Amino acid sequence: MTLIEVICFIPMLFLFTYLPTPNIISIIINVFIIMLCCFGVSFLFYIFKDK
């Protein structure tokens, strides 16, 4: 596993263990939050990697 995969796995683990509801809207919101977390963390990772 790379560092980005580990960083993206942590929010997914927290969201789907803390909010495990069968409602489809909640699942879509969780996936959207995970995508935003992953994009933000990977963007910060590449900014600090380039410096």
PDB file of N, CA and C in Angstrom:
ATOM      1  N   MET A   1       0.839  -1.190   0.000  1.00  0.00           N
ATOM      2  CA  MET A   1       0.000   0.000   0.000  1.00  0.00           C
ATOM      3  C   MET A   1       0.881   1.249   0.000  1.00  0.00           C
ATOM      4  N   THR A   2       0.456   2.197  -0.756  1.00  0.00           N
ATOM      5  CA  THR A   2       1.176   3.462  -0.754  1.00  0.00           C
ATOM      6  C   THR A   2       0.609   4.372   0.327  1.00  0.00           C
ATOM      7  N   LEU A   3       1.266   5.486   0.533  1.00  0.00           N
ATOM      8  CA  LEU A   3       0.839   6.427   1.562  1.00  0.00           C
ATOM      9  C   LEU A   3      -0.522   7.023   1.232  1.00  0.00           C
ATOM     10  N   ILE A   4      -0.764   7.329  -0.031  1.00  0.00           N
ATOM     11  CA  ILE A   4      -2.051   7.908  -0.435  1.00  0.00           C
ATOM     12  C   ILE A   4      -3.186   6.913  -0.194  1.00  0.00           C
ATOM     13  N   GLU A   5      -2.968   5.631  -0.464  1.00  0.00           N
ATOM     14  CA  GLU A   5      -4.004   4.631  -0.221  1.00  0.00           C
ATOM     15  C   GLU A   5      -4.331   4.520   1.258  1.00  0.00           C
ATOM     16  N   VAL A   6      -3.317   4.585   2.096  1.00  0.00           N
ATOM     17  CA  VAL A   6      -3.541   4.521   3.542  1.00  0.00           C
ATOM     18  C   VAL A   6      -4.300   5.755   4.016  1.00  0.00           C
ATOM     19  N   ILE A   7      -3.919   6.928   3.516  1.00  0.00           N
ATOM     20  CA  ILE A   7      -4.583   8.166   3.922  1.00  0.00           C
ATOM     21  C   ILE A   7      -6.035   8.174   3.447  1.00  0.00           C
ATOM     22  N   CYS A   8      -6.324   7.616   2.290  1.00  0.00           N
ATOM     23  CA  CYS A   8      -7.703   7.568   1.796  1.00  0.00           C
ATOM     24  C   CYS A   8      -8.513   6.487   2.501  1.00  0.00           C
ATOM     25  N   PHE A   9      -7.857   5.471   3.032  1.00  0.00           N
ATOM     26  CA  PHE A   9      -8.557   4.388   3.707  1.00  0.00           C
ATOM     27  C   PHE A   9      -9.062   4.822   5.083  1.00  0.00           C
ATOM     28  N   ILE A  10      -8.336   5.701   5.761  1.00  0.00           N
ATOM     29  CA  ILE A  10      -8.702   6.114   7.121  1.00  0.00           C
ATOM     30  C   ILE A  10     -10.049   6.833   7.166  1.00  0.00           C
ATOM     31  N   PRO A  11     -10.328   7.850   6.326  1.00  0.00           N
ATOM     32  CA  PRO A  11     -11.664   8.463   6.380  1.00  0.00           C
ATOM     33  C   PRO A  11     -12.777   7.490   6.009  1.00  0.00           C
ATOM     34  N   MET A  12     -12.500   6.607   5.059  1.00  0.00           N
ATOM     35  CA  MET A  12     -13.505   5.631   4.667  1.00  0.00           C
ATOM     36  C   MET A  12     -13.812   4.692   5.824  1.00  0.00           C
ATOM     37  N   LEU A  13     -12.793   4.283   6.550  1.00  0.00           N
ATOM     38  CA  LEU A  13     -12.989   3.397   7.690  1.00  0.00           C
ATOM     39  C   LEU A  13     -13.827   4.078   8.764  1.00  0.00           C
ATOM     40  N   PHE A  14     -13.515   5.333   9.076  1.00  0.00           N
ATOM     41  CA  PHE A  14     -14.261   6.051  10.102  1.00  0.00           C
ATOM     42  C   PHE A  14     -15.708   6.307   9.689  1.00  0.00           C
ATOM     43  N   LEU A  15     -15.923   6.721   8.465  1.00  0.00           N
ATOM     44  CA  LEU A  15     -17.283   7.057   8.039  1.00  0.00           C
ATOM     45  C   LEU A  15     -18.189   5.837   7.960  1.00  0.00           C
ATOM     46  N   PHE A  16     -17.689   4.756   7.412  1.00  0.00           N
ATOM     47  CA  PHE A  16     -18.561   3.595   7.241  1.00  0.00           C
ATOM     48  C   PHE A  16     -18.701   2.773   8.512  1.00  0.00           C
ATOM     49  N   THR A  17     -17.837   2.977   9.525  1.00  0.00           N
ATOM     50  CA  THR A  17     -18.071   2.316  10.810  1.00  0.00           C
ATOM     51  C   THR A  17     -18.912   3.187  11.722  1.00  0.00           C
ATOM     52  N   TYR A  18     -18.801   4.493  11.587  1.00  0.00           N
ATOM     53  CA  TYR A  18     -19.559   5.399  12.444  1.00  0.00           C
ATOM     54  C   TYR A  18     -20.966   5.634  11.910  1.00  0.00           C
ATOM     55  N   LEU A  19     -21.149   5.638  10.620  1.00  0.00           N
ATOM     56  CA  LEU A  19     -22.451   5.927  10.021  1.00  0.00           C
ATOM     57  C   LEU A  19     -22.945   4.772   9.146  1.00  0.00           C
ATOM     58  N   PRO A  20     -23.079   3.577   9.680  1.00  0.00           N
ATOM     59  CA  PRO A  20     -23.520   2.457   8.823  1.00  0.00           C
ATOM     60  C   PRO A  20     -25.036   2.383   8.711  1.00  0.00           C
ATOM     61  N   THR A  21     -25.609   3.226   7.913  1.00  0.00           N
ATOM     62  CA  THR A  21     -27.055   3.218   7.735  1.00  0.00           C
ATOM     63  C   THR A  21     -27.396   2.644   6.371  1.00  0.00           C
ATOM     64  N   PRO A  22     -28.517   1.955   6.260  1.00  0.00           N
ATOM     65  CA  PRO A  22     -28.897   1.375   4.963  1.00  0.00           C
ATOM     66  C   PRO A  22     -29.518   2.391   4.009  1.00  0.00           C
ATOM     67  N   ASN A  23     -29.634   3.634   4.429  1.00  0.00           N
ATOM     68  CA  ASN A  23     -30.226   4.663   3.593  1.00  0.00           C
ATOM     69  C   ASN A  23     -29.272   5.021   2.448  1.00  0.00           C
ATOM     70  N   ILE A  24     -29.749   5.026   1.225  1.00  0.00           N
ATOM     71  CA  ILE A  24     -28.899   5.267   0.049  1.00  0.00           C
ATOM     72  C   ILE A  24     -28.355   6.692   0.042  1.00  0.00           C
ATOM     73  N   ILE A  25     -29.113   7.643   0.570  1.00  0.00           N
ATOM     74  CA  ILE A  25     -28.638   9.036   0.618  1.00  0.00           C
ATOM     75  C   ILE A  25     -27.425   9.150   1.542  1.00  0.00           C
ATOM     76  N   SER A  26     -27.447   8.464   2.676  1.00  0.00           N
ATOM     77  CA  SER A  26     -26.317   8.491   3.606  1.00  0.00           C
ATOM     78  C   SER A  26     -25.077   7.851   2.985  1.00  0.00           C
ATOM     79  N   ILE A  27     -25.281   6.792   2.238  1.00  0.00           N
ATOM     80  CA  ILE A  27     -24.145   6.133   1.578  1.00  0.00           C
ATOM     81  C   ILE A  27     -23.542   7.059   0.527  1.00  0.00           C
ATOM     82  N   ILE A  28     -24.379   7.751  -0.241  1.00  0.00           N
ATOM     83  CA  ILE A  28     -23.877   8.682  -1.256  1.00  0.00           C
ATOM     84  C   ILE A  28     -23.130   9.835  -0.601  1.00  0.00           C
ATOM     85  N   ILE A  29     -23.657  10.353   0.504  1.00  0.00           N
ATOM     86  CA  ILE A  29     -22.978  11.437   1.212  1.00  0.00           C
ATOM     87  C   ILE A  29     -21.641  10.960   1.759  1.00  0.00           C
ATOM     88  N   ASN A  30     -21.587   9.743   2.301  1.00  0.00           N
ATOM     89  CA  ASN A  30     -20.324   9.197   2.804  1.00  0.00           C
ATOM     90  C   ASN A  30     -19.293   9.056   1.685  1.00  0.00           C
ATOM     91  N   VAL A  31     -19.709   8.566   0.544  1.00  0.00           N
ATOM     92  CA  VAL A  31     -18.778   8.412  -0.582  1.00  0.00           C
ATOM     93  C   VAL A  31     -18.292   9.782  -1.047  1.00  0.00           C
ATOM     94  N   PHE A  32     -19.163  10.772  -1.070  1.00  0.00           N
ATOM     95  CA  PHE A  32     -18.772  12.122  -1.465  1.00  0.00           C
ATOM     96  C   PHE A  32     -17.766  12.713  -0.474  1.00  0.00           C
ATOM     97  N   ILE A  33     -17.985  12.511   0.814  1.00  0.00           N
ATOM     98  CA  ILE A  33     -17.042  12.995   1.832  1.00  0.00           C
ATOM     99  C   ILE A  33     -15.699  12.303   1.684  1.00  0.00           C
ATOM    100  N   ILE A  34     -15.702  11.010   1.410  1.00  0.00           N
ATOM    101  CA  ILE A  34     -14.445  10.278   1.218  1.00  0.00           C
ATOM    102  C   ILE A  34     -13.696  10.808   0.000  1.00  0.00           C
ATOM    103  N   MET A  35     -14.418  11.078  -1.089  1.00  0.00           N
ATOM    104  CA  MET A  35     -13.764  11.610  -2.291  1.00  0.00           C
ATOM    105  C   MET A  35     -13.139  12.971  -2.009  1.00  0.00           C
ATOM    106  N   LEU A  36     -13.853  13.837  -1.294  1.00  0.00           N
ATOM    107  CA  LEU A  36     -13.300  15.152  -0.979  1.00  0.00           C
ATOM    108  C   LEU A  36     -12.079  15.041  -0.065  1.00  0.00           C
ATOM    109  N   CYS A  37     -12.131  14.146   0.909  1.00  0.00           N
ATOM    110  CA  CYS A  37     -10.974  13.939   1.788  1.00  0.00           C
ATOM    111  C   CYS A  37      -9.774  13.439   0.993  1.00  0.00           C
ATOM    112  N   CYS A  38     -10.003  12.503   0.106  1.00  0.00           N
ATOM    113  CA  CYS A  38      -8.903  11.945  -0.683  1.00  0.00           C
ATOM    114  C   CYS A  38      -8.303  12.982  -1.628  1.00  0.00           C
ATOM    115  N   PHE A  39      -9.152  13.768  -2.274  1.00  0.00           N
ATOM    116  CA  PHE A  39      -8.630  14.810  -3.159  1.00  0.00           C
ATOM    117  C   PHE A  39      -7.847  15.851  -2.376  1.00  0.00           C
ATOM    118  N   GLY A  40      -8.366  16.262  -1.231  1.00  0.00           N
ATOM    119  CA  GLY A  40      -7.675  17.262  -0.428  1.00  0.00           C
ATOM    120  C   GLY A  40      -6.351  16.775   0.112  1.00  0.00           C
ATOM    121  N   VAL A  41      -6.325  15.557   0.621  1.00  0.00           N
ATOM    122  CA  VAL A  41      -5.091  15.015   1.181  1.00  0.00           C
ATOM    123  C   VAL A  41      -4.067  14.765   0.091  1.00  0.00           C
ATOM    124  N   SER A  42      -4.504  14.242  -1.050  1.00  0.00           N
ATOM    125  CA  SER A  42      -3.539  14.006  -2.124  1.00  0.00           C
ATOM    126  C   SER A  42      -3.003  15.322  -2.683  1.00  0.00           C
ATOM    127  N   PHE A  43      -3.839  16.357  -2.729  1.00  0.00           N
ATOM    128  CA  PHE A  43      -3.379  17.669  -3.179  1.00  0.00           C
ATOM    129  C   PHE A  43      -2.329  18.231  -2.212  1.00  0.00           C
ATOM    130  N   LEU A  44      -2.601  18.138  -0.917  1.00  0.00           N
ATOM    131  CA  LEU A  44      -1.619  18.604   0.071  1.00  0.00           C
ATOM    132  C   LEU A  44      -0.345  17.773   0.029  1.00  0.00           C
ATOM    133  N   PHE A  45      -0.476  16.478  -0.190  1.00  0.00           N
ATOM    134  CA  PHE A  45       0.686  15.605  -0.270  1.00  0.00           C
ATOM    135  C   PHE A  45       1.589  16.004  -1.431  1.00  0.00           C
ATOM    136  N   TYR A  46       1.008  16.277  -2.586  1.00  0.00           N
ATOM    137  CA  TYR A  46       1.812  16.654  -3.749  1.00  0.00           C
ATOM    138  C   TYR A  46       2.375  18.070  -3.614  1.00  0.00           C
ATOM    139  N   ILE A  47       1.685  18.968  -2.906  1.00  0.00           N
ATOM    140  CA  ILE A  47       2.234  20.302  -2.672  1.00  0.00           C
ATOM    141  C   ILE A  47       3.475  20.214  -1.808  1.00  0.00           C
ATOM    142  N   PHE A  48       3.368  19.458  -0.697  1.00  0.00           N
ATOM    143  CA  PHE A  48       4.513  19.353   0.207  1.00  0.00           C
ATOM    144  C   PHE A  48       5.626  18.502  -0.373  1.00  0.00           C
ATOM    145  N   LYS A  49       5.295  17.558  -1.254  1.00  0.00           N
ATOM    146  CA  LYS A  49       6.311  16.728  -1.899  1.00  0.00           C
ATOM    147  C   LYS A  49       7.144  17.556  -2.880  1.00  0.00           C
ATOM    148  N   ASP A  50       6.518  18.526  -3.556  1.00  0.00           N
ATOM    149  CA  ASP A  50       7.237  19.335  -4.537  1.00  0.00           C
ATOM    150  C   ASP A  50       8.176  20.343  -3.877  1.00  0.00           C
ATOM    151  N   LYS A  51       7.899  20.735  -2.630  1.00  0.00           N
ATOM    152  CA  LYS A  51       8.753  21.731  -1.964  1.00  0.00           C
ATOM    153  C   LYS A  51       9.995  21.161  -1.452  1.00  0.00           C
TER     154      LYS A  51
END
